[in-house]
Amino acid sequence: MAMTNSEDAPLSVVAVSKALADWIGKLGMVWVEGQLSEVRLRPGSQIVFMRLRDVQSEASVSLVATSAMVGAMSPPLAEGAQVVVLASVEYWSKRGDLHLRARQLRAVGLGELLARLEQLRRLLDAEGVFAPERKRPLPFLPRRVGLICGRNSEAERDVTVNARRRWPAVEFAIREVPVQGAGAVSAVTAALAELDAQPEVDVIIITRGGGSVEDLLPFSNEALVRAAAAARTPIVSAIGHERDRPLLDDVADVRASTPTDAARRVVPDWSEEVARVTNARAAIRAALGARVAAEQRTVDQLRRTGALQAASERLNRETDAVLRLRVEGRRALADRLGTSQATVQALRGRLHALSPAATLERGYAIVTTASGTVATAPSDIAHGARFTVRLRDGAFTGQRLDATSEETP
């Protein structure tokens, strides 16, 4: 029920804390499963303070247990252990802390962990997350290799040293993160997202140097596996050794058995490539030499049988025939052009003789009416009408008048 309060009559801190403790206490006992991210064992203390986290969502809650309960655990509890707890929910009003108080505590067995991993593996496989067609080929020579590894780890040295031994000019973008314990999943996922966003990073290696099933649990985390599946950059998983197989191995584009194997897979070997080029050059030279020798043998054979001489003689005959036809063609074309030119000259002369200009040159004139019509008789020009007389060297106009008229033109 709501507590009576107002601006003028506020509740005290003690009252609110007591109400919270009462409400929370009504939750009773709950079974909770999670991973221990902190285990603080203090000498002489009757209480062990721990932190219980969810491996999928990174949510966490404080957990306290008696030192006797924790001391009875075999093997001893350590960070990263998966446990099942029967606990009551408590609220410490003096500090304002909410925590779980363990009443029963047991570690999840290895067989149970493996069974749960296998169940998650089947689920992701059914969704197609591990499908072979989703896997991308690695580039022959990456511009830059992204490397996610532990801080100052042997795995980092194995990858970088062996890669540079194979290809000295290889470049790395290294992200050192926790690869075990509570923060491993979020740290590896964040590093993966950062490297995946860099266009110059052509391949990403995620590596660590092996460990127990519990140590490798972060690399079977569903959130990390799905992040790897969504990455645009090809991923090489080099987690542990050949016997280890976290879920990241299944989603990666390439699984390397060891960090050294990852280095071998992402960059070519300089000496091997030089040898390959040298061998290819020698093979090409040998093939060309053999082809030239074979063609030379063919020419020698043709020369011995006379076929080459016959072909040469026929080529000469055909060349002479072409030259002769070219001369004859030029001659025929010149004759045809001469005849056509004479015909054109004759037609030009006839056309000129029939033209009015030729008539004018002989002293004749052409009379046209005012409308431009050629006059062929005196009656074509009316009394008083204007007319034009065209001569060889020009023209003039006039007007027709009768003989008795006093008008002048």
Protein backbone atom coordinates (compact mmCIF):
# COMPACT_ATOMS: atom_id res chain seq x y z
CA MET A 1 0.00 0.00 0.00
CA ALA A 2 1.12 3.55 -0.65
CA MET A 3 2.70 5.32 2.28
CA THR A 4 1.05 8.53 3.44
CA ASN A 5 3.27 11.51 2.69
CA SER A 6 3.21 14.97 1.19
CA GLU A 7 5.42 17.93 0.52
CA ASP A 8 4.60 19.29 3.94
CA ALA A 9 4.86 15.90 5.66
CA PRO A 10 7.66 13.97 3.92
CA LEU A 11 8.85 10.54 4.99
CA SER A 12 12.12 10.06 6.81
CA VAL A 13 14.99 8.12 5.23
CA VAL A 14 14.60 5.48 7.90
CA ALA A 15 10.94 5.02 7.07
CA VAL A 16 11.61 4.66 3.35
CA SER A 17 14.51 2.26 3.96
CA LYS A 18 12.42 0.14 6.31
CA ALA A 19 9.54 0.05 3.80
CA LEU A 20 11.91 -1.01 1.02
CA ALA A 21 13.39 -3.72 3.21
CA ASP A 22 9.91 -4.99 4.12
CA TRP A 23 8.74 -5.04 0.48
CA ILE A 24 11.90 -6.73 -0.76
CA GLY A 25 11.80 -9.26 2.07
CA LYS A 26 8.40 -10.44 0.85
CA LEU A 27 10.01 -11.85 -2.33
CA GLY A 28 11.10 -14.90 -0.39
CA MET A 29 13.62 -17.44 -1.68
CA VAL A 30 14.67 -17.53 -5.33
CA TRP A 31 16.90 -19.85 -7.34
CA VAL A 32 19.40 -17.89 -9.39
CA GLU A 33 22.06 -19.04 -11.85
CA GLY A 34 24.97 -16.93 -13.00
CA GLN A 35 28.72 -16.53 -13.25
CA LEU A 36 30.88 -15.26 -10.40
CA SER A 37 32.68 -12.12 -11.49
CA GLU A 38 34.14 -11.28 -8.08
CA VAL A 39 35.04 -13.45 -5.08
CA ARG A 40 36.46 -11.47 -2.15
CA LEU A 41 37.78 -13.78 0.54
CA ARG A 42 38.91 -11.77 3.57
CA PRO A 43 40.92 -13.57 6.27
CA GLY A 44 39.00 -13.79 9.54
CA SER A 45 35.74 -12.59 7.98
CA GLN A 46 32.58 -14.63 8.38
CA ILE A 47 31.09 -13.23 5.19
CA VAL A 48 32.31 -13.67 1.60
CA PHE A 49 31.29 -10.92 -0.80
CA MET A 50 30.78 -11.93 -4.42
CA ARG A 51 29.18 -10.61 -7.57
CA LEU A 52 26.87 -12.75 -9.70
CA ARG A 53 26.51 -11.80 -13.36
CA ASP A 54 24.46 -12.96 -16.31
CA VAL A 55 26.79 -14.11 -19.09
CA GLN A 56 24.37 -13.10 -21.82
CA SER A 57 23.25 -9.62 -20.79
CA GLU A 58 26.13 -8.53 -18.50
CA ALA A 59 23.57 -7.75 -15.73
CA SER A 60 24.92 -8.39 -12.24
CA VAL A 61 23.89 -8.38 -8.56
CA SER A 62 25.76 -8.58 -5.24
CA LEU A 63 25.88 -11.96 -3.53
CA VAL A 64 26.96 -12.74 0.04
CA ALA A 65 27.53 -16.13 1.62
CA THR A 66 29.06 -17.40 4.83
CA SER A 67 32.74 -18.29 4.74
CA ALA A 68 31.83 -21.78 5.96
CA MET A 69 29.53 -22.33 2.96
CA VAL A 70 32.18 -21.10 0.53
CA GLY A 71 34.98 -23.03 2.25
CA ALA A 72 33.05 -26.27 1.87
CA MET A 73 32.97 -25.95 -1.89
CA SER A 74 35.17 -28.37 -3.82
CA PRO A 75 36.86 -27.29 -5.96
CA PRO A 76 37.15 -23.83 -4.38
CA LEU A 77 35.11 -21.07 -5.88
CA ALA A 78 36.92 -18.70 -8.25
CA GLU A 79 36.02 -15.91 -10.58
CA GLY A 80 34.37 -17.20 -13.75
CA ALA A 81 32.73 -20.17 -12.05
CA GLN A 82 29.14 -20.91 -13.01
CA VAL A 83 26.95 -21.42 -9.95
CA VAL A 84 23.34 -22.02 -8.91
CA VAL A 85 22.24 -20.23 -5.73
CA LEU A 86 19.19 -20.49 -3.50
CA ALA A 87 19.07 -17.01 -2.02
CA SER A 88 16.91 -14.52 -0.24
CA VAL A 89 16.75 -10.93 -1.42
CA GLU A 90 17.88 -8.45 1.23
CA TYR A 91 18.12 -4.71 1.48
CA TRP A 92 20.63 -3.18 3.88
CA SER A 93 19.02 0.04 4.94
CA LYS A 94 22.16 1.52 6.52
CA ARG A 95 24.08 1.42 3.21
CA GLY A 96 21.17 1.35 0.79
CA ASP A 97 22.52 -1.87 -0.78
CA LEU A 98 20.48 -4.60 -2.43
CA HIS A 99 22.00 -8.07 -2.45
CA LEU A 100 21.28 -11.79 -2.49
CA ARG A 101 22.10 -13.85 0.60
CA ALA A 102 23.04 -17.40 -0.33
CA ARG A 103 21.23 -20.19 1.53
CA GLN A 104 22.48 -22.94 -0.78
CA LEU A 105 25.33 -22.75 -3.25
CA ARG A 106 26.61 -25.23 -5.80
CA ALA A 107 28.81 -25.03 -8.86
CA VAL A 108 27.42 -26.05 -12.23
CA GLY A 109 29.24 -29.19 -13.33
CA LEU A 110 31.36 -29.41 -16.47
CA GLY A 111 28.97 -31.89 -18.03
CA GLU A 112 26.06 -29.53 -17.51
CA LEU A 113 28.03 -26.62 -19.01
CA LEU A 114 28.92 -28.66 -22.07
CA ALA A 115 25.31 -29.75 -22.48
CA ARG A 116 24.14 -26.13 -22.41
CA LEU A 117 26.81 -25.11 -24.92
CA GLU A 118 25.73 -27.92 -27.20
CA GLN A 119 22.12 -26.81 -26.91
CA LEU A 120 23.10 -23.26 -27.86
CA ARG A 121 25.24 -24.63 -30.70
CA ARG A 122 22.24 -26.50 -32.14
CA LEU A 123 20.03 -23.42 -31.81
CA LEU A 124 22.48 -21.17 -33.67
CA ASP A 125 23.13 -23.84 -36.26
CA ALA A 126 19.38 -24.15 -36.93
CA GLU A 127 19.27 -20.39 -37.53
CA GLY A 128 22.01 -20.70 -40.15
CA VAL A 129 24.61 -18.75 -38.15
CA PHE A 130 27.21 -21.47 -38.84
CA ALA A 131 26.19 -22.09 -42.48
CA PRO A 132 29.22 -22.69 -44.77
CA GLU A 133 27.85 -20.34 -47.46
CA ARG A 134 28.10 -17.42 -45.02
CA LYS A 135 31.84 -17.85 -44.60
CA ARG A 136 34.05 -15.45 -46.56
CA PRO A 137 37.49 -16.16 -48.03
CA LEU A 138 40.50 -14.45 -46.49
CA PRO A 139 42.33 -11.85 -48.59
CA PHE A 140 45.61 -13.01 -50.13
CA LEU A 141 47.58 -10.12 -48.61
CA PRO A 142 45.64 -7.98 -46.09
CA ARG A 143 46.47 -4.28 -45.83
CA ARG A 144 46.14 -4.48 -42.05
CA VAL A 145 45.41 -7.35 -39.68
CA GLY A 146 43.17 -6.69 -36.68
CA LEU A 147 44.24 -8.65 -33.59
CA ILE A 148 42.14 -9.07 -30.43
CA CYS A 149 44.09 -10.73 -27.62
CA GLY A 150 44.95 -10.62 -23.94
CA ARG A 151 47.35 -8.07 -22.50
CA ASN A 152 51.02 -9.06 -22.95
CA SER A 153 49.90 -12.56 -23.88
CA GLU A 154 51.83 -15.39 -25.48
CA ALA A 155 49.05 -15.62 -28.06
CA GLU A 156 49.75 -12.05 -29.21
CA ARG A 157 53.48 -12.77 -29.57
CA ASP A 158 52.82 -16.04 -31.42
CA VAL A 159 50.64 -14.27 -33.98
CA THR A 160 52.76 -11.16 -34.54
CA VAL A 161 56.19 -12.87 -34.54
CA ASN A 162 55.16 -15.66 -36.88
CA ALA A 163 53.23 -13.35 -39.20
CA ARG A 164 56.18 -10.96 -39.53
CA ARG A 165 58.51 -13.88 -40.07
CA ARG A 166 56.34 -14.92 -43.03
CA TRP A 167 55.68 -11.41 -44.36
CA PRO A 168 57.88 -8.72 -42.72
CA ALA A 169 55.79 -5.77 -43.97
CA VAL A 170 52.52 -6.93 -42.39
CA GLU A 171 50.73 -4.26 -40.30
CA PHE A 172 48.66 -4.94 -37.17
CA ALA A 173 45.88 -3.08 -35.38
CA ILE A 174 46.09 -4.68 -31.92
CA ARG A 175 43.41 -4.45 -29.24
CA GLU A 176 44.49 -5.89 -25.89
CA VAL A 177 41.43 -6.78 -23.80
CA PRO A 178 40.45 -9.15 -20.99
CA VAL A 179 39.94 -12.62 -22.49
CA GLN A 180 38.72 -14.29 -19.31
CA GLY A 181 36.33 -13.41 -16.54
CA ALA A 182 33.44 -11.03 -16.12
CA GLY A 183 34.39 -8.28 -18.57
CA ALA A 184 35.72 -10.49 -21.35
CA VAL A 185 32.56 -10.67 -23.47
CA SER A 186 31.87 -6.94 -23.52
CA ALA A 187 35.54 -6.08 -24.08
CA VAL A 188 36.02 -8.52 -26.96
CA THR A 189 32.72 -7.49 -28.55
CA ALA A 190 33.62 -3.80 -28.35
CA ALA A 191 37.08 -4.42 -29.84
CA LEU A 192 35.51 -6.45 -32.65
CA ALA A 193 33.08 -3.65 -33.48
CA GLU A 194 35.89 -1.07 -33.46
CA LEU A 195 38.15 -3.04 -35.81
CA ASP A 196 35.25 -4.03 -38.06
CA ALA A 197 34.47 -0.33 -38.59
CA GLN A 198 37.98 0.38 -39.97
CA PRO A 199 38.04 -0.02 -43.80
CA GLU A 200 41.78 -0.69 -43.90
CA VAL A 201 41.43 -3.75 -41.64
CA ASP A 202 40.95 -6.67 -44.03
CA VAL A 203 40.90 -9.56 -41.55
CA ILE A 204 40.45 -9.87 -37.76
CA ILE A 205 42.08 -12.52 -35.56
CA ILE A 206 40.50 -13.27 -32.18
CA THR A 207 42.93 -15.30 -30.09
CA ARG A 208 43.84 -16.56 -26.63
CA GLY A 209 46.21 -19.25 -25.46
CA GLY A 210 43.84 -22.00 -24.42
CA GLY A 211 42.45 -22.79 -20.99
CA SER A 212 39.74 -24.77 -19.25
CA VAL A 213 36.17 -24.95 -20.49
CA GLU A 214 35.23 -22.37 -17.88
CA ASP A 215 38.05 -20.06 -19.02
CA LEU A 216 36.86 -20.24 -22.60
CA LEU A 217 33.18 -19.62 -21.81
CA PRO A 218 33.29 -15.96 -23.02
CA PHE A 219 34.05 -17.20 -26.52
CA SER A 220 30.85 -19.26 -26.50
CA ASN A 221 28.74 -16.32 -25.39
CA GLU A 222 25.72 -15.89 -27.63
CA ALA A 223 26.09 -12.10 -27.84
CA LEU A 224 29.73 -12.37 -28.98
CA VAL A 225 28.91 -15.14 -31.46
CA ARG A 226 26.12 -13.09 -33.04
CA ALA A 227 28.38 -10.02 -33.21
CA ALA A 228 30.98 -12.08 -35.06
CA ALA A 229 28.31 -13.36 -37.45
CA ALA A 230 27.22 -9.79 -38.24
CA ALA A 231 30.75 -8.47 -38.86
CA ARG A 232 31.62 -7.42 -42.42
CA THR A 233 35.32 -8.29 -42.00
CA PRO A 234 36.46 -11.93 -42.29
CA ILE A 235 37.25 -13.37 -38.85
CA VAL A 236 39.86 -15.96 -37.86
CA SER A 237 39.23 -17.71 -34.54
CA ALA A 238 42.36 -18.95 -32.76
CA ILE A 239 41.05 -19.80 -29.30
CA GLY A 240 43.19 -22.26 -27.41
CA HIS A 241 44.44 -25.44 -28.99
CA GLU A 242 43.19 -28.16 -31.31
CA ARG A 243 41.08 -29.84 -28.62
CA ASP A 244 39.31 -26.60 -27.67
CA ARG A 245 36.24 -25.63 -29.68
CA PRO A 246 34.19 -22.70 -28.41
CA LEU A 247 31.21 -21.51 -30.45
CA LEU A 248 33.29 -18.67 -31.90
CA ASP A 249 35.19 -21.32 -33.88
CA ASP A 250 31.97 -22.36 -35.61
CA VAL A 251 30.89 -18.86 -36.62
CA ALA A 252 34.35 -17.64 -37.70
CA ASP A 253 35.19 -17.63 -41.39
CA VAL A 254 38.36 -19.61 -40.64
CA ARG A 255 39.22 -21.65 -37.55
CA ALA A 256 42.91 -21.82 -36.67
CA SER A 257 44.07 -24.57 -34.35
CA THR A 258 46.58 -22.30 -32.57
CA PRO A 259 47.67 -18.64 -32.65
CA THR A 260 50.68 -19.69 -34.74
CA ASP A 261 48.34 -21.37 -37.20
CA ALA A 262 46.33 -18.14 -37.40
CA ALA A 263 49.47 -16.24 -38.45
CA ARG A 264 50.13 -18.83 -41.14
CA ARG A 265 46.61 -18.49 -42.52
CA VAL A 266 46.30 -14.69 -42.73
CA VAL A 267 49.55 -13.79 -44.55
CA PRO A 268 51.51 -15.60 -47.26
CA ASP A 269 55.09 -16.74 -46.75
CA TRP A 270 57.55 -14.37 -48.45
CA SER A 271 60.09 -17.08 -49.29
CA GLU A 272 57.40 -19.40 -50.62
CA GLU A 273 55.99 -16.66 -52.86
CA VAL A 274 59.44 -15.76 -54.20
CA ALA A 275 60.07 -19.44 -54.93
CA ARG A 276 56.68 -19.72 -56.59
CA VAL A 277 57.39 -16.72 -58.84
CA THR A 278 60.84 -18.07 -59.68
CA ASN A 279 59.42 -21.48 -60.56
CA ALA A 280 56.65 -19.94 -62.64
CA ARG A 281 59.16 -17.81 -64.54
CA ALA A 282 61.30 -20.86 -65.23
CA ALA A 283 58.26 -22.84 -66.35
CA ILE A 284 57.18 -20.04 -68.73
CA ARG A 285 60.70 -19.77 -70.14
CA ALA A 286 60.84 -23.52 -70.67
CA ALA A 287 57.41 -23.57 -72.32
CA LEU A 288 58.31 -20.73 -74.68
CA GLY A 289 61.63 -22.36 -75.53
CA ALA A 290 59.91 -25.65 -76.27
CA ARG A 291 57.29 -23.90 -78.46
CA VAL A 292 59.94 -22.00 -80.43
CA ALA A 293 61.97 -25.19 -80.90
CA ALA A 294 58.87 -27.04 -82.14
CA GLU A 295 58.06 -24.28 -84.64
CA GLN A 296 61.68 -24.24 -85.82
CA ARG A 297 61.53 -27.98 -86.41
CA THR A 298 58.36 -27.49 -88.44
CA VAL A 299 60.02 -24.83 -90.59
CA ASP A 300 63.07 -27.03 -91.11
CA GLN A 301 60.85 -29.93 -92.12
CA LEU A 302 58.98 -27.77 -94.63
CA ARG A 303 62.26 -26.51 -96.02
CA ARG A 304 63.57 -30.08 -96.49
CA THR A 305 60.41 -31.29 -98.23
CA GLY A 306 60.27 -28.32 -100.65
CA ALA A 307 56.85 -27.21 -99.42
CA LEU A 308 58.29 -23.93 -98.15
CA GLN A 309 59.96 -23.28 -101.54
CA ALA A 310 56.70 -24.01 -103.32
CA ALA A 311 54.84 -21.66 -101.04
CA SER A 312 57.46 -18.96 -101.62
CA GLU A 313 57.25 -19.37 -105.41
CA ARG A 314 53.47 -19.22 -105.33
CA LEU A 315 53.64 -16.09 -103.20
CA ASN A 316 55.94 -14.51 -105.76
CA ARG A 317 53.59 -15.45 -108.62
CA GLU A 318 50.61 -14.06 -106.79
CA THR A 319 52.55 -10.88 -106.01
CA ASP A 320 53.45 -10.41 -109.70
CA ALA A 321 49.82 -10.98 -110.66
CA VAL A 322 48.66 -8.35 -108.16
CA LEU A 323 51.21 -5.84 -109.47
CA ARG A 324 50.18 -6.52 -113.07
CA LEU A 325 46.50 -6.12 -112.27
CA ARG A 326 47.24 -2.88 -110.47
CA VAL A 327 49.04 -1.46 -113.53
CA GLU A 328 46.26 -2.56 -115.84
CA GLY A 329 43.65 -1.12 -113.51
CA ARG A 330 45.41 2.23 -113.44
CA ARG A 331 45.66 2.25 -117.23
CA ALA A 332 41.97 1.38 -117.67
CA LEU A 333 40.96 4.01 -115.17
CA ALA A 334 43.07 6.66 -116.95
CA ASP A 335 41.51 5.78 -120.32
CA ARG A 336 38.03 5.93 -118.84
CA LEU A 337 38.72 9.28 -117.24
CA GLY A 338 40.14 10.68 -120.55
CA THR A 339 37.09 9.59 -122.53
CA SER A 340 34.72 11.00 -119.94
CA GLN A 341 36.60 14.31 -119.88
CA ALA A 342 36.30 14.68 -123.67
CA THR A 343 32.58 13.95 -123.49
CA VAL A 344 32.13 16.58 -120.81
CA GLN A 345 33.98 19.17 -122.90
CA ALA A 346 31.81 18.44 -125.94
CA LEU A 347 28.62 18.74 -123.91
CA ARG A 348 29.85 21.97 -122.39
CA GLY A 349 30.45 23.42 -125.87
CA ARG A 350 27.00 22.40 -127.10
CA LEU A 351 25.39 23.82 -123.98
CA HIS A 352 27.20 27.10 -124.44
CA ALA A 353 26.18 27.33 -128.09
CA LEU A 354 22.53 26.90 -127.16
CA SER A 355 22.58 29.36 -124.29
CA PRO A 356 21.15 32.92 -124.67
CA ALA A 357 24.55 34.31 -123.68
CA ALA A 358 26.06 32.90 -126.86
CA THR A 359 23.33 34.56 -128.91
CA LEU A 360 24.05 37.94 -127.30
CA GLU A 361 27.73 37.55 -128.09
CA ARG A 362 26.85 37.42 -131.79
CA GLY A 363 25.23 40.92 -131.64
CA TYR A 364 21.65 40.02 -130.94
CA ALA A 365 19.45 41.50 -128.20
CA ILE A 366 16.67 40.15 -126.02
CA VAL A 367 13.61 42.29 -125.30
CA THR A 368 11.49 41.61 -122.25
CA THR A 369 8.28 43.20 -121.08
CA ALA A 370 7.83 44.90 -117.74
CA SER A 371 6.70 41.57 -116.30
CA GLY A 372 9.88 39.82 -117.47
CA THR A 373 8.32 37.95 -120.41
CA VAL A 374 10.47 37.70 -123.58
CA ALA A 375 8.87 39.70 -126.42
CA THR A 376 8.91 37.91 -129.77
CA ALA A 377 6.68 40.31 -131.76
CA PRO A 378 5.89 44.06 -131.66
CA SER A 379 2.41 43.29 -130.48
CA ASP A 380 3.84 41.78 -127.26
CA ILE A 381 4.53 45.36 -126.08
CA ALA A 382 1.48 47.66 -125.82
CA HIS A 383 1.51 51.33 -126.75
CA GLY A 384 3.19 53.29 -123.98
CA ALA A 385 4.42 50.17 -122.16
CA ARG A 386 7.87 49.93 -120.75
CA PHE A 387 10.33 47.28 -121.91
CA THR A 388 13.94 46.16 -121.30
CA VAL A 389 16.59 45.48 -123.94
CA ARG A 390 19.41 43.14 -122.85
CA LEU A 391 22.69 43.17 -124.82
CA ARG A 392 25.96 41.29 -124.36
CA ASP A 393 27.53 43.94 -122.19
CA GLY A 394 24.48 45.31 -120.39
CA ALA A 395 20.81 46.35 -120.64
CA PHE A 396 18.62 49.48 -120.91
CA THR A 397 14.90 50.25 -120.67
CA GLY A 398 12.57 52.02 -123.06
CA GLN A 399 8.93 52.84 -123.82
CA ARG A 400 6.97 52.03 -126.95
CA LEU A 401 5.55 55.14 -128.77
CA ASP A 402 3.64 55.49 -132.03
CA ALA A 403 5.36 57.37 -134.88
CA THR A 404 2.86 60.33 -134.71
CA SER A 405 3.34 60.75 -130.96
CA GLU A 406 5.43 63.64 -129.70
CA GLU A 407 6.47 61.78 -126.57
CA THR A 408 10.03 60.70 -126.29
CA PRO A 409 11.27 57.56 -124.55
